[in-house]
């Protein structure tokens, strides 16, 4: 959780334990460079400790872009796919603060829009966890869930 990694093909990138967290996958198909951030919260602005840039949507995406550039990716060629953002627990009468998964998804989508990175596909919401793997050779995102099988974006 709250981590970030980049790689060139053929090394794939994987993260597990995506509940309300979001897995952000960026990919440059020309350079065959992939990046994956496992974010936990939408924004760093109200955090007491925001040292871990991978923890927040607003800081993880720019950091991921910078790390991918170091491997030869170009921001103009990046595309995104995201997964996660589940509502793992239901609380009757819960406030917006408890909708972490939905807020995470909204924050990621907005930050991608501001960075002008097209969002090609998403698999968000629901009430189940996910494990994702980005194939850096093809840009395909494999999403595995318990009792729901595998999906490819």
N, C-alpha and C. Protein backbone atom coordinates (compact mmCIF):
# COMPACT_ATOMS: atom_id res chain seq x y z
N UNK A 1 0.83 -1.18 0.00
CA UNK A 1 0.00 0.00 0.00
C UNK A 1 0.87 1.25 0.00
N UNK A 2 0.33 2.27 -0.60
CA UNK A 2 1.03 3.55 -0.68
C UNK A 2 2.43 3.38 -1.24
N UNK A 3 2.50 2.64 -2.36
CA UNK A 3 3.80 2.48 -3.00
C UNK A 3 3.69 2.81 -4.48
N UNK A 4 4.84 2.89 -5.10
CA UNK A 4 4.92 3.31 -6.49
C UNK A 4 6.10 2.58 -7.13
N UNK A 5 5.89 2.10 -8.35
CA UNK A 5 6.98 1.43 -9.07
C UNK A 5 6.86 1.66 -10.56
N UNK A 6 8.00 1.64 -11.24
CA UNK A 6 8.05 1.79 -12.69
C UNK A 6 8.96 0.72 -13.26
N UNK A 7 8.71 0.39 -14.52
CA UNK A 7 9.52 -0.66 -15.14
C UNK A 7 9.39 -0.59 -16.65
N UNK A 8 10.40 -1.16 -17.31
CA UNK A 8 10.35 -1.35 -18.76
C UNK A 8 9.98 -2.80 -19.03
N UNK A 9 9.40 -3.03 -20.21
CA UNK A 9 9.08 -4.40 -20.63
C UNK A 9 10.37 -5.21 -20.63
N UNK A 10 10.32 -6.46 -20.26
CA UNK A 10 9.15 -7.31 -20.03
C UNK A 10 8.75 -7.47 -18.56
N UNK A 11 9.30 -6.68 -17.66
CA UNK A 11 8.97 -6.83 -16.23
C UNK A 11 7.59 -6.24 -15.94
N UNK A 12 6.68 -7.07 -15.44
CA UNK A 12 5.33 -6.62 -15.10
C UNK A 12 5.31 -5.96 -13.73
N UNK A 13 4.27 -5.18 -13.49
CA UNK A 13 4.09 -4.48 -12.22
C UNK A 13 2.80 -4.96 -11.56
N UNK A 14 2.84 -5.22 -10.27
CA UNK A 14 1.68 -5.77 -9.58
C UNK A 14 1.49 -5.15 -8.21
N UNK A 15 0.23 -5.03 -7.81
CA UNK A 15 -0.09 -4.64 -6.44
C UNK A 15 -1.34 -5.39 -6.02
N UNK A 16 -1.42 -5.67 -4.73
CA UNK A 16 -2.59 -6.38 -4.21
C UNK A 16 -3.16 -5.60 -3.04
N UNK A 17 -4.31 -6.03 -2.60
CA UNK A 17 -4.94 -5.38 -1.45
C UNK A 17 -5.61 -4.07 -1.79
N UNK A 18 -6.10 -3.93 -3.04
CA UNK A 18 -6.84 -2.72 -3.41
C UNK A 18 -8.28 -2.86 -2.92
N UNK A 19 -8.59 -2.21 -1.82
CA UNK A 19 -9.96 -2.10 -1.34
C UNK A 19 -10.45 -0.72 -1.76
N UNK A 20 -10.46 0.21 -0.81
CA UNK A 20 -10.81 1.59 -1.15
C UNK A 20 -9.66 2.30 -1.86
N UNK A 21 -8.48 1.72 -1.81
CA UNK A 21 -7.31 2.28 -2.51
C UNK A 21 -7.52 2.18 -4.03
N UNK A 22 -6.74 2.95 -4.77
CA UNK A 22 -6.79 2.92 -6.23
C UNK A 22 -5.42 2.53 -6.76
N UNK A 23 -5.43 1.63 -7.72
CA UNK A 23 -4.23 1.31 -8.47
C UNK A 23 -4.24 2.13 -9.74
N UNK A 24 -3.26 3.00 -9.89
CA UNK A 24 -3.15 3.86 -11.07
C UNK A 24 -2.05 3.29 -11.95
N UNK A 25 -2.41 2.93 -13.17
CA UNK A 25 -1.43 2.39 -14.12
C UNK A 25 -1.27 3.38 -15.27
N UNK A 26 -0.05 3.82 -15.49
CA UNK A 26 0.28 4.66 -16.63
C UNK A 26 1.16 3.84 -17.56
N UNK A 27 1.00 4.09 -18.87
CA UNK A 27 1.75 3.28 -19.83
C UNK A 27 2.11 4.11 -21.05
N UNK A 28 3.36 3.95 -21.49
CA UNK A 28 3.85 4.53 -22.74
C UNK A 28 4.14 3.34 -23.66
N UNK A 29 3.26 3.14 -24.65
CA UNK A 29 3.38 1.99 -25.54
C UNK A 29 4.56 2.05 -26.48
N UNK A 30 5.04 3.23 -26.79
CA UNK A 30 6.20 3.37 -27.67
C UNK A 30 7.48 2.96 -26.94
N UNK A 31 7.67 3.50 -25.75
CA UNK A 31 8.86 3.18 -24.95
C UNK A 31 8.69 1.86 -24.18
N UNK A 32 7.45 1.36 -24.13
CA UNK A 32 7.10 0.16 -23.35
C UNK A 32 7.56 0.30 -21.90
N UNK A 33 7.15 1.45 -21.35
CA UNK A 33 7.43 1.77 -19.95
C UNK A 33 6.10 1.85 -19.22
N UNK A 34 6.02 1.17 -18.09
CA UNK A 34 4.81 1.20 -17.28
C UNK A 34 5.09 1.74 -15.90
N UNK A 35 4.05 2.27 -15.30
CA UNK A 35 4.15 2.75 -13.93
C UNK A 35 2.89 2.39 -13.17
N UNK A 36 3.05 2.11 -11.89
CA UNK A 36 1.91 1.73 -11.06
C UNK A 36 2.03 2.40 -9.70
N UNK A 37 0.98 3.09 -9.30
CA UNK A 37 0.93 3.68 -7.97
C UNK A 37 -0.27 3.10 -7.24
N UNK A 38 -0.09 2.77 -5.98
CA UNK A 38 -1.15 2.24 -5.12
C UNK A 38 -1.46 3.33 -4.10
N UNK A 39 -2.46 4.17 -4.43
CA UNK A 39 -2.75 5.32 -3.57
C UNK A 39 -3.81 4.96 -2.53
N UNK A 40 -3.72 5.61 -1.38
CA UNK A 40 -4.65 5.33 -0.28
C UNK A 40 -5.66 6.44 -0.05
N UNK A 41 -5.29 7.68 -0.36
CA UNK A 41 -6.14 8.82 -0.04
C UNK A 41 -6.15 9.82 -1.19
N UNK A 42 -7.22 10.63 -1.29
CA UNK A 42 -7.35 11.54 -2.43
C UNK A 42 -6.38 12.72 -2.44
N UNK A 43 -6.10 13.28 -1.27
CA UNK A 43 -5.30 14.51 -1.27
C UNK A 43 -4.35 14.57 -0.07
N UNK A 44 -3.22 15.19 -0.31
CA UNK A 44 -2.21 15.36 0.75
C UNK A 44 -2.42 16.64 1.54
N UNK A 45 -3.34 17.48 1.12
CA UNK A 45 -3.46 18.82 1.70
C UNK A 45 -3.83 18.83 3.17
N UNK A 46 -4.56 17.82 3.63
CA UNK A 46 -4.97 17.82 5.04
C UNK A 46 -4.27 16.73 5.85
N UNK A 47 -3.25 16.14 5.26
CA UNK A 47 -2.52 15.07 5.96
C UNK A 47 -1.49 15.66 6.91
N UNK A 48 -1.35 15.04 8.06
CA UNK A 48 -0.33 15.47 9.01
C UNK A 48 1.06 15.11 8.52
N UNK A 49 1.16 13.93 7.92
CA UNK A 49 2.45 13.47 7.40
C UNK A 49 2.26 13.11 5.93
N UNK A 50 2.75 13.94 5.05
CA UNK A 50 2.57 13.70 3.61
C UNK A 50 3.90 13.40 2.93
N UNK A 51 4.85 12.84 3.68
CA UNK A 51 6.17 12.53 3.12
C UNK A 51 6.11 11.47 2.02
N UNK A 52 5.22 10.50 2.15
CA UNK A 52 5.11 9.44 1.16
C UNK A 52 4.24 9.91 0.00
N UNK A 53 4.88 10.32 -1.09
CA UNK A 53 4.16 10.86 -2.25
C UNK A 53 3.23 9.85 -2.89
N UNK A 54 3.52 8.56 -2.73
CA UNK A 54 2.69 7.52 -3.34
C UNK A 54 1.36 7.33 -2.61
N UNK A 55 1.21 7.90 -1.46
CA UNK A 55 0.01 7.69 -0.64
C UNK A 55 -1.20 8.46 -1.15
N UNK A 56 -0.99 9.56 -1.86
CA UNK A 56 -2.07 10.47 -2.22
C UNK A 56 -2.19 10.64 -3.74
N UNK A 57 -3.43 10.75 -4.22
CA UNK A 57 -3.65 10.91 -5.66
C UNK A 57 -2.97 12.17 -6.19
N UNK A 58 -3.05 13.27 -5.45
CA UNK A 58 -2.52 14.54 -5.95
C UNK A 58 -1.00 14.58 -6.04
N UNK A 59 -0.31 13.74 -5.29
CA UNK A 59 1.16 13.73 -5.35
C UNK A 59 1.71 12.51 -6.08
N UNK A 60 0.98 11.41 -6.06
CA UNK A 60 1.48 10.17 -6.69
C UNK A 60 1.56 10.28 -8.21
N UNK A 61 0.57 10.90 -8.82
CA UNK A 61 0.54 10.94 -10.29
C UNK A 61 1.71 11.75 -10.85
N UNK A 62 1.98 12.97 -10.38
CA UNK A 62 3.16 13.69 -10.89
C UNK A 62 4.47 12.95 -10.62
N UNK A 63 4.57 12.32 -9.45
CA UNK A 63 5.77 11.56 -9.10
C UNK A 63 5.93 10.36 -10.03
N UNK A 64 4.83 9.68 -10.33
CA UNK A 64 4.85 8.54 -11.25
C UNK A 64 5.30 8.97 -12.64
N UNK A 65 4.79 10.09 -13.11
CA UNK A 65 5.18 10.63 -14.42
C UNK A 65 6.69 10.90 -14.45
N UNK A 66 7.20 11.55 -13.42
CA UNK A 66 8.64 11.85 -13.35
C UNK A 66 9.49 10.58 -13.37
N UNK A 67 9.09 9.59 -12.60
CA UNK A 67 9.85 8.33 -12.55
C UNK A 67 9.81 7.61 -13.90
N UNK A 68 8.69 7.67 -14.59
CA UNK A 68 8.58 7.02 -15.90
C UNK A 68 9.43 7.74 -16.94
N UNK A 69 9.50 9.05 -16.84
CA UNK A 69 10.35 9.82 -17.77
C UNK A 69 11.81 9.39 -17.66
N UNK A 70 12.24 9.06 -16.46
CA UNK A 70 13.62 8.61 -16.24
C UNK A 70 13.93 7.31 -16.99
N UNK A 71 12.88 6.54 -17.30
CA UNK A 71 13.07 5.29 -18.05
C UNK A 71 12.79 5.46 -19.54
N UNK A 72 12.55 6.71 -19.97
CA UNK A 72 12.37 6.97 -21.39
C UNK A 72 10.95 7.22 -21.84
N UNK A 73 10.00 7.25 -20.93
CA UNK A 73 8.61 7.54 -21.30
C UNK A 73 8.46 9.03 -21.61
N UNK A 74 7.48 9.34 -22.44
CA UNK A 74 7.14 10.73 -22.74
C UNK A 74 5.73 10.99 -22.22
N UNK A 75 5.54 12.07 -21.49
CA UNK A 75 4.23 12.38 -20.92
C UNK A 75 3.16 12.44 -22.00
N UNK A 76 3.50 12.94 -23.17
CA UNK A 76 2.53 13.08 -24.26
C UNK A 76 2.01 11.74 -24.77
N UNK A 77 2.74 10.66 -24.48
CA UNK A 77 2.31 9.33 -24.94
C UNK A 77 1.64 8.51 -23.84
N UNK A 78 1.56 9.03 -22.65
CA UNK A 78 1.01 8.26 -21.54
C UNK A 78 -0.50 8.10 -21.63
N UNK A 79 -0.95 6.91 -21.27
CA UNK A 79 -2.37 6.62 -21.12
C UNK A 79 -2.55 5.97 -19.75
N UNK A 80 -3.77 6.03 -19.23
CA UNK A 80 -4.03 5.53 -17.88
C UNK A 80 -5.14 4.50 -17.86
N UNK A 81 -5.02 3.60 -16.89
CA UNK A 81 -6.07 2.65 -16.52
C UNK A 81 -6.06 2.60 -15.00
N UNK A 82 -7.26 2.53 -14.40
CA UNK A 82 -7.32 2.51 -12.94
C UNK A 82 -8.25 1.40 -12.46
N UNK A 83 -8.00 0.95 -11.24
CA UNK A 83 -8.86 -0.06 -10.61
C UNK A 83 -8.84 0.14 -9.11
N UNK A 84 -9.92 -0.28 -8.46
CA UNK A 84 -10.03 -0.18 -7.01
C UNK A 84 -11.16 0.74 -6.61
N UNK A 85 -10.98 1.46 -5.53
CA UNK A 85 -11.98 2.42 -5.09
C UNK A 85 -13.26 1.80 -4.57
N UNK A 86 -13.15 0.64 -3.94
CA UNK A 86 -14.33 -0.05 -3.42
C UNK A 86 -14.83 0.60 -2.14
N UNK A 87 -16.09 0.35 -1.85
CA UNK A 87 -16.68 0.72 -0.56
C UNK A 87 -16.73 -0.58 0.23
N UNK A 88 -15.68 -0.86 0.96
CA UNK A 88 -15.52 -2.16 1.61
C UNK A 88 -16.48 -2.38 2.78
N UNK A 89 -16.89 -1.31 3.43
CA UNK A 89 -17.77 -1.44 4.59
C UNK A 89 -18.90 -0.42 4.48
N UNK A 90 -20.12 -0.85 4.77
CA UNK A 90 -21.27 0.04 4.71
C UNK A 90 -21.62 0.52 6.11
N UNK A 91 -21.77 1.82 6.24
CA UNK A 91 -22.16 2.41 7.51
C UNK A 91 -23.43 3.23 7.28
N UNK A 92 -24.55 2.84 7.89
CA UNK A 92 -25.79 3.60 7.71
C UNK A 92 -25.60 5.06 8.13
N UNK A 93 -26.04 5.96 7.27
CA UNK A 93 -25.94 7.38 7.56
C UNK A 93 -24.54 7.93 7.54
N UNK A 94 -23.61 7.22 6.94
CA UNK A 94 -22.21 7.66 6.90
C UNK A 94 -22.06 8.93 6.07
N UNK A 95 -21.16 9.77 6.49
CA UNK A 95 -20.91 11.02 5.77
C UNK A 95 -20.00 10.77 4.56
N UNK A 96 -19.79 11.82 3.78
CA UNK A 96 -18.91 11.73 2.61
C UNK A 96 -17.50 11.32 3.00
N UNK A 97 -17.09 11.62 4.21
CA UNK A 97 -15.75 11.28 4.67
C UNK A 97 -15.53 9.77 4.61
N UNK A 98 -16.58 9.00 4.82
CA UNK A 98 -16.47 7.54 4.82
C UNK A 98 -16.49 6.94 3.41
N UNK A 99 -16.77 7.73 2.41
CA UNK A 99 -16.78 7.24 1.02
C UNK A 99 -15.38 7.35 0.42
N UNK A 100 -14.41 6.76 1.08
CA UNK A 100 -13.00 6.91 0.68
C UNK A 100 -12.77 6.40 -0.73
N UNK A 101 -13.29 5.22 -1.05
CA UNK A 101 -13.07 4.63 -2.38
C UNK A 101 -13.56 5.53 -3.50
N UNK A 102 -14.78 6.02 -3.35
CA UNK A 102 -15.36 6.91 -4.36
C UNK A 102 -14.58 8.22 -4.45
N UNK A 103 -14.21 8.77 -3.31
CA UNK A 103 -13.43 10.01 -3.30
C UNK A 103 -12.06 9.80 -3.93
N UNK A 104 -11.44 8.64 -3.68
CA UNK A 104 -10.16 8.33 -4.30
C UNK A 104 -10.29 8.29 -5.83
N UNK A 105 -11.32 7.60 -6.31
CA UNK A 105 -11.53 7.49 -7.76
C UNK A 105 -11.74 8.87 -8.38
N UNK A 106 -12.57 9.69 -7.76
CA UNK A 106 -12.82 11.04 -8.28
C UNK A 106 -11.54 11.86 -8.32
N UNK A 107 -10.73 11.78 -7.27
CA UNK A 107 -9.49 12.55 -7.21
C UNK A 107 -8.50 12.10 -8.28
N UNK A 108 -8.40 10.80 -8.50
CA UNK A 108 -7.49 10.28 -9.52
C UNK A 108 -7.93 10.73 -10.91
N UNK A 109 -9.21 10.61 -11.19
CA UNK A 109 -9.74 11.01 -12.51
C UNK A 109 -9.49 12.49 -12.75
N UNK A 110 -9.73 13.31 -11.74
CA UNK A 110 -9.52 14.76 -11.87
C UNK A 110 -8.04 15.09 -12.08
N UNK A 111 -7.15 14.43 -11.35
CA UNK A 111 -5.71 14.70 -11.50
C UNK A 111 -5.22 14.26 -12.87
N UNK A 112 -5.71 13.12 -13.37
CA UNK A 112 -5.34 12.68 -14.72
C UNK A 112 -5.81 13.70 -15.76
N UNK A 113 -7.02 14.24 -15.55
CA UNK A 113 -7.55 15.26 -16.48
C UNK A 113 -6.65 16.49 -16.47
N UNK A 114 -6.25 16.94 -15.29
CA UNK A 114 -5.38 18.12 -15.17
C UNK A 114 -4.02 17.87 -15.81
N UNK A 115 -3.53 16.65 -15.72
CA UNK A 115 -2.24 16.29 -16.32
C UNK A 115 -2.37 15.96 -17.81
N UNK A 116 -3.60 15.99 -18.32
CA UNK A 116 -3.90 15.70 -19.73
C UNK A 116 -3.46 14.29 -20.14
N UNK A 117 -3.72 13.34 -19.26
CA UNK A 117 -3.44 11.93 -19.54
C UNK A 117 -4.78 11.23 -19.74
N UNK A 118 -5.02 10.68 -20.93
CA UNK A 118 -6.31 10.03 -21.18
C UNK A 118 -6.52 8.79 -20.32
N UNK A 119 -7.72 8.68 -19.76
CA UNK A 119 -8.11 7.50 -18.99
C UNK A 119 -8.80 6.54 -19.96
N UNK A 120 -8.10 5.46 -20.31
CA UNK A 120 -8.62 4.51 -21.30
C UNK A 120 -9.63 3.54 -20.71
N UNK A 121 -9.46 3.17 -19.45
CA UNK A 121 -10.35 2.18 -18.85
C UNK A 121 -10.29 2.27 -17.34
N UNK A 122 -11.40 1.85 -16.72
CA UNK A 122 -11.45 1.83 -15.26
C UNK A 122 -12.35 0.70 -14.79
N UNK A 123 -12.03 0.19 -13.63
CA UNK A 123 -12.84 -0.84 -12.98
C UNK A 123 -12.82 -0.46 -11.51
N UNK A 124 -13.81 0.37 -11.13
CA UNK A 124 -13.82 0.95 -9.79
C UNK A 124 -15.16 0.71 -9.12
N UNK A 125 -15.17 0.91 -7.81
CA UNK A 125 -16.41 0.78 -7.04
C UNK A 125 -16.63 -0.64 -6.56
N UNK A 126 -17.87 -0.94 -6.27
CA UNK A 126 -18.22 -2.25 -5.75
C UNK A 126 -17.83 -2.37 -4.28
N UNK A 127 -17.88 -3.59 -3.78
CA UNK A 127 -17.55 -3.83 -2.37
C UNK A 127 -16.58 -4.99 -2.21
N UNK A 128 -15.66 -5.10 -3.15
CA UNK A 128 -14.71 -6.21 -3.15
C UNK A 128 -13.31 -5.72 -3.47
N UNK A 129 -12.34 -6.45 -2.97
CA UNK A 129 -10.94 -6.10 -3.19
C UNK A 129 -10.43 -6.60 -4.53
N UNK A 130 -9.30 -6.07 -4.93
CA UNK A 130 -8.71 -6.40 -6.22
C UNK A 130 -7.19 -6.54 -6.11
N UNK A 131 -6.65 -7.36 -6.99
CA UNK A 131 -5.21 -7.45 -7.24
C UNK A 131 -5.03 -7.12 -8.70
N UNK A 132 -4.07 -6.26 -9.02
CA UNK A 132 -3.88 -5.88 -10.43
C UNK A 132 -2.44 -6.13 -10.86
N UNK A 133 -2.29 -6.38 -12.16
CA UNK A 133 -0.97 -6.58 -12.75
C UNK A 133 -0.95 -5.90 -14.11
N UNK A 134 0.02 -5.02 -14.31
CA UNK A 134 0.20 -4.32 -15.58
C UNK A 134 1.26 -5.04 -16.39
N UNK A 135 0.87 -5.46 -17.59
CA UNK A 135 1.80 -6.09 -18.53
C UNK A 135 2.52 -4.97 -19.28
N UNK A 136 3.80 -4.78 -19.00
CA UNK A 136 4.54 -3.67 -19.61
C UNK A 136 4.90 -3.92 -21.07
N UNK A 137 4.67 -5.12 -21.56
CA UNK A 137 4.91 -5.39 -22.98
C UNK A 137 3.72 -4.97 -23.83
N UNK A 138 2.50 -5.05 -23.24
CA UNK A 138 1.28 -4.79 -24.02
C UNK A 138 0.44 -3.63 -23.49
N UNK A 139 0.62 -3.26 -22.24
CA UNK A 139 -0.22 -2.24 -21.63
C UNK A 139 -1.53 -2.79 -21.08
N UNK A 140 -1.73 -4.10 -21.17
CA UNK A 140 -2.95 -4.71 -20.63
C UNK A 140 -2.89 -4.72 -19.10
N UNK A 141 -4.05 -4.47 -18.51
CA UNK A 141 -4.17 -4.49 -17.06
C UNK A 141 -5.04 -5.68 -16.66
N UNK A 142 -4.47 -6.59 -15.91
CA UNK A 142 -5.19 -7.77 -15.44
C UNK A 142 -5.68 -7.51 -14.02
N UNK A 143 -6.98 -7.72 -13.81
CA UNK A 143 -7.60 -7.47 -12.51
C UNK A 143 -8.15 -8.79 -11.99
N UNK A 144 -7.67 -9.19 -10.82
CA UNK A 144 -8.14 -10.44 -10.21
C UNK A 144 -8.90 -10.13 -8.93
N UNK A 145 -10.01 -10.84 -8.76
CA UNK A 145 -10.82 -10.69 -7.56
C UNK A 145 -11.20 -12.07 -7.04
N UNK A 146 -11.48 -12.15 -5.77
CA UNK A 146 -11.97 -13.40 -5.19
C UNK A 146 -13.44 -13.54 -5.59
N UNK A 147 -13.81 -14.67 -6.09
CA UNK A 147 -15.19 -15.01 -6.48
C UNK A 147 -15.69 -14.28 -7.73
N UNK A 148 -14.88 -13.44 -8.35
CA UNK A 148 -15.31 -12.73 -9.55
C UNK A 148 -14.39 -12.98 -10.74
N UNK A 149 -13.38 -13.78 -10.54
CA UNK A 149 -12.49 -14.15 -11.63
C UNK A 149 -11.54 -13.04 -12.03
N UNK A 150 -11.13 -13.09 -13.30
CA UNK A 150 -10.16 -12.14 -13.84
C UNK A 150 -10.79 -11.33 -14.95
N UNK A 151 -10.41 -10.07 -15.01
CA UNK A 151 -10.88 -9.16 -16.05
C UNK A 151 -9.65 -8.50 -16.65
N UNK A 152 -9.69 -8.20 -17.95
CA UNK A 152 -8.57 -7.56 -18.62
C UNK A 152 -9.03 -6.22 -19.18
N UNK A 153 -8.30 -5.17 -18.85
CA UNK A 153 -8.58 -3.83 -19.41
C UNK A 153 -7.46 -3.47 -20.36
